[in-house]
Amino acid sequence: MNLKSKAKAGRPPTTNKSIAQVQSLSRGLALLEKIAEAESGVLLTDLAAQLDLPASTAHRLLNTLEQQGFVRQEIAQQLWYVGTTGFKVGNAFLASRDFVRQAKPFMQRLVEEVGETSNLSILQSGRAVIIAQQQCSEMMRMMVPLGSSSPLHASGVGKAILAGLPQNERNQQLADLTLDTITPWTITSKENFQQALHKTTAMGWAFDDQEHAVGLRCVAACLYDEKSYPLAAISVSGPLARIGDARALELGAVVKETAQEITRFIGGCWPL
């Protein structure tokens, strides 16, 4: 028996044609992605340059995508846009996205890594509301029921969400905000609170230093949607006895990284 001539069962030999098909698919998807990134349309020549493709190849692939409805061309300006089929595919993803459920495995991993309780909160009626929680196993830990809320100015999640809002929405929230004193460390000056938000933006995470509860510290970072709009904020909280200054900086970096991972996983975009 000539073993060399016997093909492996269940595995057809790779042909030049199949390799070319995979390459065409990869290039077509790359074109679609570039078109989706260009909100005001994009020229064929620009697409070809961005992907280092011959213009003729890019044109052939675009025609195929256009036939399937994934892209469309505006003839007058020669600009390419996402088509109805491409829109339906993207919309189906958004409709199926459940960021709370999708965030939970990341929250569990975060708790296992840092040993402190993690919460997921959203902005609702001018307050930060807890919608998911993963508790740590420490005897002394933060325990609050789901649905509990905290003031935006005195919570890590509140600061993280406010800092992530577009400037006009942030200004509106700040105009409606009353900076009540809750603990001796609560920020009650609008000027100081603005500085805290600027610092949050620069670091990529927020810090609640006993501002909502004496002896409790919290670090938080935002999750963003596909338009870099804040969906929620993930946080880690624990007692001052375990979260000193150096530990707070470490936790801030870990929480920020986790928020970025979740944002990518749910199809969001971390702001530049």
C-alpha atoms as a PDB file:
ATOM      1  CA  MET A   1       0.000   0.000   0.000  1.00  0.00           C
ATOM      2  CA  ASN A   2       1.262   3.465  -0.884  1.00  0.00           C
ATOM      3  CA  LEU A   3       0.742   5.354   2.394  1.00  0.00           C
ATOM      4  CA  LYS A   4       1.697   8.690   0.825  1.00  0.00           C
ATOM      5  CA  SER A   5      -1.236   8.515  -1.534  1.00  0.00           C
ATOM      6  CA  LYS A   6      -3.761   7.807   1.211  1.00  0.00           C
ATOM      7  CA  ALA A   7      -5.535  10.952   2.483  1.00  0.00           C
ATOM      8  CA  LYS A   8      -6.281  11.282   6.175  1.00  0.00           C
ATOM      9  CA  ALA A   9      -9.848  10.210   6.991  1.00  0.00           C
ATOM     10  CA  GLY A  10     -12.278  13.065   7.576  1.00  0.00           C
ATOM     11  CA  ARG A  11      -9.717  15.734   6.628  1.00  0.00           C
ATOM     12  CA  PRO A  12      -9.704  16.737   2.968  1.00  0.00           C
ATOM     13  CA  PRO A  13      -6.371  18.028   1.740  1.00  0.00           C
ATOM     14  CA  THR A  14      -5.899  21.786   1.774  1.00  0.00           C
ATOM     15  CA  THR A  15      -6.024  23.258  -1.711  1.00  0.00           C
ATOM     16  CA  ASN A  16      -4.901  26.559  -3.112  1.00  0.00           C
ATOM     17  CA  LYS A  17      -8.573  27.344  -3.776  1.00  0.00           C
ATOM     18  CA  SER A  18      -9.593  26.875  -0.132  1.00  0.00           C
ATOM     19  CA  ILE A  19      -6.678  29.033   1.045  1.00  0.00           C
ATOM     20  CA  ALA A  20      -7.718  31.758  -1.392  1.00  0.00           C
ATOM     21  CA  GLN A  21     -11.316  31.570  -0.129  1.00  0.00           C
ATOM     22  CA  VAL A  22     -10.213  32.014   3.493  1.00  0.00           C
ATOM     23  CA  GLN A  23      -8.015  34.945   2.488  1.00  0.00           C
ATOM     24  CA  SER A  24     -10.897  36.568   0.604  1.00  0.00           C
ATOM     25  CA  LEU A  25     -13.204  36.108   3.598  1.00  0.00           C
ATOM     26  CA  SER A  26     -10.631  37.627   5.931  1.00  0.00           C
ATOM     27  CA  ARG A  27     -10.098  40.605   3.642  1.00  0.00           C
ATOM     28  CA  GLY A  28     -13.828  41.093   3.155  1.00  0.00           C
ATOM     29  CA  LEU A  29     -14.433  41.168   6.902  1.00  0.00           C
ATOM     30  CA  ALA A  30     -11.558  43.610   7.333  1.00  0.00           C
ATOM     31  CA  LEU A  31     -13.158  45.891   4.730  1.00  0.00           C
ATOM     32  CA  LEU A  32     -16.502  45.689   6.507  1.00  0.00           C
ATOM     33  CA  GLU A  33     -14.864  46.582   9.812  1.00  0.00           C
ATOM     34  CA  LYS A  34     -13.125  49.624   8.316  1.00  0.00           C
ATOM     35  CA  ILE A  35     -16.381  50.814   6.750  1.00  0.00           C
ATOM     36  CA  ALA A  36     -18.180  50.414  10.097  1.00  0.00           C
ATOM     37  CA  GLU A  37     -15.516  52.548  11.792  1.00  0.00           C
ATOM     38  CA  ALA A  38     -16.013  55.371   9.263  1.00  0.00           C
ATOM     39  CA  GLU A  39     -19.322  56.931  10.310  1.00  0.00           C
ATOM     40  CA  SER A  40     -19.407  59.354   7.362  1.00  0.00           C
ATOM     41  CA  GLY A  41     -18.507  56.824   4.673  1.00  0.00           C
ATOM     42  CA  VAL A  42     -15.160  55.948   3.152  1.00  0.00           C
ATOM     43  CA  LEU A  43     -13.655  55.940  -0.337  1.00  0.00           C
ATOM     44  CA  LEU A  44     -12.448  52.801  -2.091  1.00  0.00           C
ATOM     45  CA  THR A  45      -8.932  54.231  -2.422  1.00  0.00           C
ATOM     46  CA  ASP A  46      -8.783  54.923   1.325  1.00  0.00           C
ATOM     47  CA  LEU A  47      -9.982  51.410   2.168  1.00  0.00           C
ATOM     48  CA  ALA A  48      -7.389  49.866  -0.121  1.00  0.00           C
ATOM     49  CA  ALA A  49      -4.625  51.995   1.418  1.00  0.00           C
ATOM     50  CA  GLN A  50      -5.684  51.224   5.008  1.00  0.00           C
ATOM     51  CA  LEU A  51      -5.604  47.469   4.376  1.00  0.00           C
ATOM     52  CA  ASP A  52      -2.665  47.520   1.966  1.00  0.00           C
ATOM     53  CA  LEU A  53      -4.750  45.959  -0.814  1.00  0.00           C
ATOM     54  CA  PRO A  54      -4.691  46.591  -4.549  1.00  0.00           C
ATOM     55  CA  ALA A  55      -7.625  48.824  -5.463  1.00  0.00           C
ATOM     56  CA  SER A  56      -8.879  46.180  -7.903  1.00  0.00           C
ATOM     57  CA  THR A  57      -8.964  43.536  -5.133  1.00  0.00           C
ATOM     58  CA  ALA A  58     -10.761  45.866  -2.732  1.00  0.00           C
ATOM     59  CA  HIS A  59     -13.298  46.745  -5.446  1.00  0.00           C
ATOM     60  CA  ARG A  60     -13.984  43.076  -6.232  1.00  0.00           C
ATOM     61  CA  LEU A  61     -14.540  42.248  -2.547  1.00  0.00           C
ATOM     62  CA  LEU A  62     -16.767  45.287  -2.027  1.00  0.00           C
ATOM     63  CA  ASN A  63     -18.919  44.265  -4.976  1.00  0.00           C
ATOM     64  CA  THR A  64     -19.389  40.819  -3.433  1.00  0.00           C
ATOM     65  CA  LEU A  65     -20.296  42.347  -0.056  1.00  0.00           C
ATOM     66  CA  GLU A  66     -22.670  44.758  -1.793  1.00  0.00           C
ATOM     67  CA  GLN A  67     -24.469  41.906  -3.553  1.00  0.00           C
ATOM     68  CA  GLN A  68     -25.117  40.330  -0.132  1.00  0.00           C
ATOM     69  CA  GLY A  69     -26.286  43.628   1.356  1.00  0.00           C
ATOM     70  CA  PHE A  70     -23.403  43.954   3.827  1.00  0.00           C
ATOM     71  CA  VAL A  71     -22.235  47.253   2.316  1.00  0.00           C
ATOM     72  CA  ARG A  72     -23.713  49.896   0.025  1.00  0.00           C
ATOM     73  CA  GLN A  73     -22.219  52.609  -2.137  1.00  0.00           C
ATOM     74  CA  GLU A  74     -23.380  56.187  -2.496  1.00  0.00           C
ATOM     75  CA  ILE A  75     -22.766  56.722  -6.190  1.00  0.00           C
ATOM     76  CA  ALA A  76     -22.623  60.546  -6.168  1.00  0.00           C
ATOM     77  CA  GLN A  77     -19.660  60.761  -3.767  1.00  0.00           C
ATOM     78  CA  GLN A  78     -18.324  57.228  -4.293  1.00  0.00           C
ATOM     79  CA  LEU A  79     -18.506  56.569  -0.548  1.00  0.00           C
ATOM     80  CA  TRP A  80     -19.030  53.138   0.983  1.00  0.00           C
ATOM     81  CA  TYR A  81     -21.293  52.545   4.008  1.00  0.00           C
ATOM     82  CA  VAL A  82     -22.545  49.570   6.019  1.00  0.00           C
ATOM     83  CA  GLY A  83     -25.543  47.999   4.261  1.00  0.00           C
ATOM     84  CA  THR A  84     -28.823  46.651   5.602  1.00  0.00           C
ATOM     85  CA  THR A  85     -27.516  43.110   6.114  1.00  0.00           C
ATOM     86  CA  GLY A  86     -24.493  44.418   8.006  1.00  0.00           C
ATOM     87  CA  PHE A  87     -26.806  46.553  10.129  1.00  0.00           C
ATOM     88  CA  LYS A  88     -29.042  43.565  10.920  1.00  0.00           C
ATOM     89  CA  VAL A  89     -26.058  41.481  12.037  1.00  0.00           C
ATOM     90  CA  GLY A  90     -24.795  44.256  14.304  1.00  0.00           C
ATOM     91  CA  ASN A  91     -28.260  44.911  15.657  1.00  0.00           C
ATOM     92  CA  ALA A  92     -28.740  41.234  16.470  1.00  0.00           C
ATOM     93  CA  PHE A  93     -25.597  41.336  18.588  1.00  0.00           C
ATOM     94  CA  LEU A  94     -26.760  44.440  20.466  1.00  0.00           C
ATOM     95  CA  ALA A  95     -30.197  42.919  21.062  1.00  0.00           C
ATOM     96  CA  SER A  96     -28.662  39.773  22.532  1.00  0.00           C
ATOM     97  CA  ARG A  97     -26.164  41.629  24.702  1.00  0.00           C
ATOM     98  CA  ASP A  98     -26.787  41.262  28.421  1.00  0.00           C
ATOM     99  CA  PHE A  99     -23.851  43.063  29.975  1.00  0.00           C
ATOM    100  CA  VAL A 100     -24.883  42.178  33.541  1.00  0.00           C
ATOM    101  CA  ARG A 101     -24.810  38.446  32.832  1.00  0.00           C
ATOM    102  CA  GLN A 102     -21.677  38.788  30.739  1.00  0.00           C
ATOM    103  CA  ALA A 103     -19.874  40.770  33.442  1.00  0.00           C
ATOM    104  CA  LYS A 104     -20.457  38.244  36.237  1.00  0.00           C
ATOM    105  CA  PRO A 105     -17.634  35.799  35.358  1.00  0.00           C
ATOM    106  CA  PHE A 106     -15.223  38.746  35.265  1.00  0.00           C
ATOM    107  CA  MET A 107     -16.522  39.945  38.643  1.00  0.00           C
ATOM    108  CA  GLN A 108     -16.052  36.465  40.121  1.00  0.00           C
ATOM    109  CA  ARG A 109     -12.487  36.305  38.817  1.00  0.00           C
ATOM    110  CA  LEU A 110     -11.837  39.791  40.205  1.00  0.00           C
ATOM    111  CA  VAL A 111     -13.046  38.757  43.672  1.00  0.00           C
ATOM    112  CA  GLU A 112     -10.846  35.647  43.583  1.00  0.00           C
ATOM    113  CA  GLU A 113      -7.858  37.742  42.524  1.00  0.00           C
ATOM    114  CA  VAL A 114      -8.130  40.620  45.016  1.00  0.00           C
ATOM    115  CA  GLY A 115     -10.121  39.053  47.870  1.00  0.00           C
ATOM    116  CA  GLU A 116     -12.654  41.892  48.147  1.00  0.00           C
ATOM    117  CA  THR A 117     -16.334  42.254  47.235  1.00  0.00           C
ATOM    118  CA  SER A 118     -17.185  43.469  43.726  1.00  0.00           C
ATOM    119  CA  ASN A 119     -20.324  45.374  42.694  1.00  0.00           C
ATOM    120  CA  LEU A 120     -21.788  46.439  39.369  1.00  0.00           C
ATOM    121  CA  SER A 121     -23.794  49.670  39.456  1.00  0.00           C
ATOM    122  CA  ILE A 122     -25.731  51.848  37.009  1.00  0.00           C
ATOM    123  CA  LEU A 123     -26.819  55.477  36.957  1.00  0.00           C
ATOM    124  CA  GLN A 124     -30.509  55.771  37.811  1.00  0.00           C
ATOM    125  CA  SER A 125     -32.464  58.832  38.924  1.00  0.00           C
ATOM    126  CA  GLY A 126     -29.329  60.692  39.903  1.00  0.00           C
ATOM    127  CA  ARG A 127     -27.904  57.889  42.067  1.00  0.00           C
ATOM    128  CA  ALA A 128     -25.640  54.861  41.628  1.00  0.00           C
ATOM    129  CA  VAL A 129     -27.723  51.675  41.966  1.00  0.00           C
ATOM    130  CA  ILE A 130     -26.207  48.218  42.567  1.00  0.00           C
ATOM    131  CA  ILE A 131     -27.513  45.660  40.048  1.00  0.00           C
ATOM    132  CA  ALA A 132     -25.038  42.779  40.568  1.00  0.00           C
ATOM    133  CA  GLN A 133     -22.669  41.657  43.292  1.00  0.00           C
ATOM    134  CA  GLN A 134     -19.995  39.068  43.978  1.00  0.00           C
ATOM    135  CA  GLN A 135     -19.063  38.826  47.641  1.00  0.00           C
ATOM    136  CA  CYS A 136     -15.688  37.876  49.016  1.00  0.00           C
ATOM    137  CA  SER A 137     -15.202  35.333  51.801  1.00  0.00           C
ATOM    138  CA  GLU A 138     -13.700  37.730  54.343  1.00  0.00           C
ATOM    139  CA  MET A 139     -15.461  37.960  57.707  1.00  0.00           C
ATOM    140  CA  MET A 140     -15.384  41.746  57.521  1.00  0.00           C
ATOM    141  CA  ARG A 141     -16.748  42.706  54.117  1.00  0.00           C
ATOM    142  CA  MET A 142     -19.163  45.040  52.383  1.00  0.00           C
ATOM    143  CA  MET A 143     -22.700  43.615  52.355  1.00  0.00           C
ATOM    144  CA  VAL A 144     -25.523  45.602  50.770  1.00  0.00           C
ATOM    145  CA  PRO A 145     -28.636  44.255  49.006  1.00  0.00           C
ATOM    146  CA  LEU A 146     -29.128  44.533  45.270  1.00  0.00           C
ATOM    147  CA  GLY A 147     -31.036  47.675  44.413  1.00  0.00           C
ATOM    148  CA  SER A 148     -29.285  49.709  47.083  1.00  0.00           C
ATOM    149  CA  SER A 149     -28.163  53.129  45.916  1.00  0.00           C
ATOM    150  CA  SER A 150     -25.522  55.667  46.837  1.00  0.00           C
ATOM    151  CA  PRO A 151     -25.059  59.338  45.991  1.00  0.00           C
ATOM    152  CA  LEU A 152     -22.965  60.019  42.915  1.00  0.00           C
ATOM    153  CA  HIS A 153     -20.595  62.426  44.645  1.00  0.00           C
ATOM    154  CA  ALA A 154     -19.815  60.052  47.517  1.00  0.00           C
ATOM    155  CA  SER A 155     -19.221  56.757  45.725  1.00  0.00           C
ATOM    156  CA  GLY A 156     -16.529  55.333  43.493  1.00  0.00           C
ATOM    157  CA  VAL A 157     -19.081  54.033  40.984  1.00  0.00           C
ATOM    158  CA  GLY A 158     -20.835  57.408  40.923  1.00  0.00           C
ATOM    159  CA  LYS A 159     -17.613  59.255  40.156  1.00  0.00           C
ATOM    160  CA  ALA A 160     -16.612  56.705  37.511  1.00  0.00           C
ATOM    161  CA  ILE A 161     -19.932  57.011  35.669  1.00  0.00           C
ATOM    162  CA  LEU A 162     -20.030  60.807  35.913  1.00  0.00           C
ATOM    163  CA  ALA A 163     -16.469  61.097  34.614  1.00  0.00           C
ATOM    164  CA  GLY A 164     -17.392  58.888  31.651  1.00  0.00           C
ATOM    165  CA  LEU A 165     -20.444  60.884  30.570  1.00  0.00           C
ATOM    166  CA  PRO A 166     -20.313  63.319  27.644  1.00  0.00           C
ATOM    167  CA  GLN A 167     -19.520  66.831  28.881  1.00  0.00           C
ATOM    168  CA  ASN A 168     -23.044  68.208  28.384  1.00  0.00           C
ATOM    169  CA  GLU A 169     -24.663  65.332  30.296  1.00  0.00           C
ATOM    170  CA  ARG A 170     -22.059  65.541  33.037  1.00  0.00           C
ATOM    171  CA  ASN A 171     -22.703  69.262  33.444  1.00  0.00           C
ATOM    172  CA  GLN A 172     -26.442  68.611  33.722  1.00  0.00           C
ATOM    173  CA  GLN A 173     -25.898  65.930  36.363  1.00  0.00           C
ATOM    174  CA  LEU A 174     -23.581  68.240  38.307  1.00  0.00           C
ATOM    175  CA  ALA A 175     -26.094  71.090  38.135  1.00  0.00           C
ATOM    176  CA  ASP A 176     -28.734  68.831  39.717  1.00  0.00           C
ATOM    177  CA  LEU A 177     -26.337  67.360  42.284  1.00  0.00           C
ATOM    178  CA  THR A 178     -26.482  68.304  45.952  1.00  0.00           C
ATOM    179  CA  LEU A 179     -23.143  67.603  47.628  1.00  0.00           C
ATOM    180  CA  ASP A 180     -24.463  66.574  51.028  1.00  0.00           C
ATOM    181  CA  THR A 181     -22.029  65.765  53.829  1.00  0.00           C
ATOM    182  CA  ILE A 182     -22.201  62.059  54.669  1.00  0.00           C
ATOM    183  CA  THR A 183     -18.868  61.516  56.428  1.00  0.00           C
ATOM    184  CA  PRO A 184     -16.015  63.859  57.372  1.00  0.00           C
ATOM    185  CA  TRP A 185     -14.321  62.829  54.102  1.00  0.00           C
ATOM    186  CA  THR A 186     -17.232  63.531  51.746  1.00  0.00           C
ATOM    187  CA  ILE A 187     -16.433  66.048  49.001  1.00  0.00           C
ATOM    188  CA  THR A 188     -18.880  68.934  49.405  1.00  0.00           C
ATOM    189  CA  SER A 189     -17.285  71.576  47.171  1.00  0.00           C
ATOM    190  CA  LYS A 190     -18.252  71.683  43.482  1.00  0.00           C
ATOM    191  CA  GLU A 191     -14.735  72.840  42.605  1.00  0.00           C
ATOM    192  CA  ASN A 192     -13.105  69.972  44.524  1.00  0.00           C
ATOM    193  CA  PHE A 193     -15.552  67.506  43.031  1.00  0.00           C
ATOM    194  CA  GLN A 194     -14.744  68.698  39.503  1.00  0.00           C
ATOM    195  CA  GLN A 195     -11.070  68.143  40.288  1.00  0.00           C
ATOM    196  CA  ALA A 196     -11.882  64.624  41.518  1.00  0.00           C
ATOM    197  CA  LEU A 197     -13.672  63.882  38.232  1.00  0.00           C
ATOM    198  CA  HIS A 198     -10.737  65.203  36.195  1.00  0.00           C
ATOM    199  CA  LYS A 199      -8.426  62.940  38.201  1.00  0.00           C
ATOM    200  CA  THR A 200     -10.774  59.999  37.607  1.00  0.00           C
ATOM    201  CA  THR A 201     -10.675  60.632  33.859  1.00  0.00           C
ATOM    202  CA  ALA A 202      -6.886  60.834  33.876  1.00  0.00           C
ATOM    203  CA  MET A 203      -6.446  57.601  35.878  1.00  0.00           C
ATOM    204  CA  GLY A 204      -9.252  55.641  34.248  1.00  0.00           C
ATOM    205  CA  TRP A 205     -10.687  54.686  37.645  1.00  0.00           C
ATOM    206  CA  ALA A 206     -12.349  56.420  40.599  1.00  0.00           C
ATOM    207  CA  PHE A 207     -11.617  56.360  44.329  1.00  0.00           C
ATOM    208  CA  ASP A 208     -14.042  56.616  47.241  1.00  0.00           C
ATOM    209  CA  ASP A 209     -11.914  57.281  50.318  1.00  0.00           C
ATOM    210  CA  GLN A 210     -14.390  56.815  53.207  1.00  0.00           C
ATOM    211  CA  GLU A 211     -16.677  59.362  51.560  1.00  0.00           C
ATOM    212  CA  HIS A 212     -19.821  57.248  51.856  1.00  0.00           C
ATOM    213  CA  ALA A 213     -19.039  55.139  54.922  1.00  0.00           C
ATOM    214  CA  VAL A 214     -16.379  55.636  57.565  1.00  0.00           C
ATOM    215  CA  GLY A 215     -13.715  52.933  57.358  1.00  0.00           C
ATOM    216  CA  LEU A 216     -14.731  51.811  53.847  1.00  0.00           C
ATOM    217  CA  ARG A 217     -12.774  52.370  50.656  1.00  0.00           C
ATOM    218  CA  CYS A 218     -13.830  51.675  47.082  1.00  0.00           C
ATOM    219  CA  VAL A 219     -12.246  51.808  43.632  1.00  0.00           C
ATOM    220  CA  ALA A 220     -14.350  51.721  40.453  1.00  0.00           C
ATOM    221  CA  ALA A 221     -14.117  51.916  36.673  1.00  0.00           C
ATOM    222  CA  CYS A 222     -16.654  52.274  33.857  1.00  0.00           C
ATOM    223  CA  LEU A 223     -17.943  49.803  31.307  1.00  0.00           C
ATOM    224  CA  TYR A 224     -18.691  51.418  27.938  1.00  0.00           C
ATOM    225  CA  ASP A 225     -20.912  50.592  24.989  1.00  0.00           C
ATOM    226  CA  GLU A 226     -19.927  50.633  21.320  1.00  0.00           C
ATOM    227  CA  LYS A 227     -20.138  54.454  21.269  1.00  0.00           C
ATOM    228  CA  SER A 228     -17.939  54.852  24.376  1.00  0.00           C
ATOM    229  CA  TYR A 229     -20.987  55.772  26.459  1.00  0.00           C
ATOM    230  CA  PRO A 230     -20.936  54.554  30.086  1.00  0.00           C
ATOM    231  CA  LEU A 231     -23.206  51.560  30.681  1.00  0.00           C
ATOM    232  CA  ALA A 232     -22.269  50.863  34.286  1.00  0.00           C
ATOM    233  CA  ALA A 233     -19.343  50.827  36.681  1.00  0.00           C
ATOM    234  CA  ILE A 234     -17.611  47.880  38.309  1.00  0.00           C
ATOM    235  CA  SER A 235     -16.109  48.334  41.754  1.00  0.00           C
ATOM    236  CA  VAL A 236     -14.157  46.667  44.524  1.00  0.00           C
ATOM    237  CA  SER A 237     -14.833  47.672  48.128  1.00  0.00           C
ATOM    238  CA  GLY A 238     -13.248  46.794  51.424  1.00  0.00           C
ATOM    239  CA  PRO A 239     -12.260  48.103  54.856  1.00  0.00           C
ATOM    240  CA  LEU A 240      -9.558  50.701  55.349  1.00  0.00           C
ATOM    241  CA  ALA A 241      -7.654  48.118  57.410  1.00  0.00           C
ATOM    242  CA  ARG A 242      -7.081  46.031  54.247  1.00  0.00           C
ATOM    243  CA  ILE A 243      -7.032  48.776  51.626  1.00  0.00           C
ATOM    244  CA  GLY A 244      -4.206  51.153  52.431  1.00  0.00           C
ATOM    245  CA  ASP A 245      -2.939  53.780  50.011  1.00  0.00           C
ATOM    246  CA  ALA A 246      -0.581  51.463  48.129  1.00  0.00           C
ATOM    247  CA  ARG A 247      -3.216  48.714  47.965  1.00  0.00           C
ATOM    248  CA  ALA A 248      -5.792  51.198  46.634  1.00  0.00           C
ATOM    249  CA  LEU A 249      -3.493  52.047  43.719  1.00  0.00           C
ATOM    250  CA  GLU A 250      -3.003  48.347  42.950  1.00  0.00           C
ATOM    251  CA  LEU A 251      -6.734  47.678  43.072  1.00  0.00           C
ATOM    252  CA  GLY A 252      -7.455  50.673  40.872  1.00  0.00           C
ATOM    253  CA  ALA A 253      -5.220  49.288  38.138  1.00  0.00           C
ATOM    254  CA  VAL A 254      -6.787  45.810  38.404  1.00  0.00           C
ATOM    255  CA  VAL A 255     -10.363  47.140  38.361  1.00  0.00           C
ATOM    256  CA  LYS A 256      -9.592  49.363  35.360  1.00  0.00           C
ATOM    257  CA  GLU A 257      -8.111  46.419  33.475  1.00  0.00           C
ATOM    258  CA  THR A 258     -11.171  44.297  34.305  1.00  0.00           C
ATOM    259  CA  ALA A 259     -13.515  47.068  33.131  1.00  0.00           C
ATOM    260  CA  GLN A 260     -11.590  47.280  29.862  1.00  0.00           C
ATOM    261  CA  GLU A 261     -11.834  43.501  29.397  1.00  0.00           C
ATOM    262  CA  ILE A 262     -15.596  43.503  29.988  1.00  0.00           C
ATOM    263  CA  THR A 263     -16.029  46.484  27.665  1.00  0.00           C
ATOM    264  CA  ARG A 264     -14.211  44.646  24.874  1.00  0.00           C
ATOM    265  CA  PHE A 265     -16.106  41.406  25.566  1.00  0.00           C
ATOM    266  CA  ILE A 266     -19.524  43.057  25.237  1.00  0.00           C
ATOM    267  CA  GLY A 267     -18.499  44.852  22.046  1.00  0.00           C
ATOM    268  CA  GLY A 268     -17.939  48.237  23.666  1.00  0.00           C
ATOM    269  CA  CYS A 269     -15.226  50.767  23.069  1.00  0.00           C
ATOM    270  CA  TRP A 270     -12.976  52.191  25.796  1.00  0.00           C
ATOM    271  CA  PRO A 271     -12.683  55.980  25.278  1.00  0.00           C
ATOM    272  CA  LEU A 272      -9.395  57.289  23.920  1.00  0.00           C
END
